[in-house]
Protein backbone atom coordinates (compact mmCIF):
# COMPACT_ATOMS: atom_id res chain seq x y z
CA MET A 1 262.19 182.39 221.47
CA GLU A 2 264.88 182.78 223.86
CA GLU A 3 266.11 180.13 226.42
CA SER A 4 266.48 181.91 229.93
CA SER A 5 269.25 181.46 232.44
CA GLY A 6 270.16 182.68 235.60
CA LYS A 7 267.73 183.56 238.16
CA TRP A 8 264.57 183.05 236.18
CA ASP A 9 262.26 180.55 236.96
CA ALA A 10 261.23 180.21 233.26
CA GLY A 11 262.58 177.77 230.94
CA TYR A 12 261.89 180.07 228.01
CA VAL A 13 260.78 183.48 227.16
CA VAL A 14 258.55 183.34 224.20
CA CYS A 15 257.33 186.02 221.78
CA ASN A 16 253.89 184.97 220.48
CA PRO A 17 254.25 185.61 216.70
CA ALA A 18 250.55 186.05 216.36
CA THR A 19 249.87 188.40 219.31
CA GLU A 20 253.42 189.95 219.76
CA GLN A 21 253.14 189.30 223.64
CA TRP A 22 255.92 187.90 225.70
CA THR A 23 255.25 184.77 227.74
CA ALA A 24 257.40 183.25 230.40
CA VAL A 25 257.19 179.36 230.07
CA PRO A 26 258.01 177.16 233.01
CA CYS A 27 261.00 174.49 232.76
CA CYS A 28 259.76 171.14 231.65
CA ASP A 29 259.39 168.85 234.31
CA GLY A 30 260.77 171.23 236.92
CA ARG A 31 264.21 171.10 235.25
CA ARG A 32 266.08 172.27 232.60
CA PRO A 33 267.02 170.31 229.35
CA PRO A 34 270.55 168.92 229.19
CA ALA A 35 273.14 171.71 228.46
CA SER A 36 274.35 169.83 225.34
CA THR A 37 272.50 170.95 222.25
CA SER A 38 272.74 167.30 221.04
CA ASP A 39 270.62 166.05 223.78
CA SER A 40 267.57 168.62 223.29
CA HIS A 41 265.83 170.44 220.60
CA THR A 42 263.16 172.92 221.23
CA TYR A 43 260.79 174.11 218.48
CA LEU A 44 258.01 176.79 218.36
CA ALA A 45 254.93 175.89 216.41
CA PHE A 46 252.04 178.14 215.48
CA ASP A 47 249.48 178.86 212.84
CA PRO A 48 247.77 182.33 213.19
CA ASP A 49 245.15 181.30 210.64
CA VAL A 50 243.90 178.58 213.06
CA SER A 51 244.56 180.10 216.62
CA SER A 52 246.49 182.84 218.29
CA HIS A 53 248.01 180.38 220.70
CA PHE A 54 251.49 178.88 220.33
CA HIS A 55 252.96 175.50 220.99
CA LEU A 56 256.68 174.36 221.98
CA LEU A 57 257.85 171.03 221.26
CA LEU A 58 261.01 169.78 223.18
CA PHE A 59 262.80 166.64 222.09
CA TRP A 60 264.88 165.62 224.81
CA GLU A 61 267.21 162.54 225.26
CA ASP A 62 266.79 161.17 228.69
CA GLU A 63 268.65 158.25 230.15
CA GLU A 64 266.37 155.63 231.99
CA HIS A 65 267.69 152.57 233.57
CA GLY A 66 271.07 152.64 231.57
CA GLU A 67 269.31 153.13 228.20
CA SER A 68 268.87 156.27 226.16
CA LEU A 69 265.30 157.11 225.33
CA MET A 70 263.92 160.09 223.31
CA THR A 71 261.09 161.78 224.80
CA VAL A 72 258.77 164.46 223.32
CA HIS A 73 257.34 167.16 225.66
CA ALA A 74 254.90 169.62 224.44
CA TYR A 75 253.73 173.08 225.93
CA SER A 76 250.68 174.79 224.59
CA SER A 77 249.75 178.41 225.59
CA GLU A 78 246.09 177.42 225.44
CA THR A 79 246.33 174.87 228.36
CA THR A 80 247.25 175.66 231.93
CA GLY A 81 250.91 176.28 231.44
CA ALA A 82 251.88 172.45 232.25
CA TRP A 83 254.23 170.33 229.76
CA THR A 84 253.02 167.16 228.75
CA ARG A 85 255.29 164.02 228.06
CA SER A 86 254.96 161.30 225.55
């Protein structure tokens, strides 16, 4: 998994370990995570015994109303390509 930068609209470019196909994944919430690695962490999750789809989990520290809040964003290659937030 590589984090893209520059002119790409993708937030990440992922090689699916099950299919060995490359996929451009859009930025989460239309913006990039904070530049500091202490503010965000992204993980690739997959189980080729269950499915050929992969998931990205992004743990992101947001500042809301002056308070720090850790949010979890999830992306699934099985869905329409949108991130969900919880």
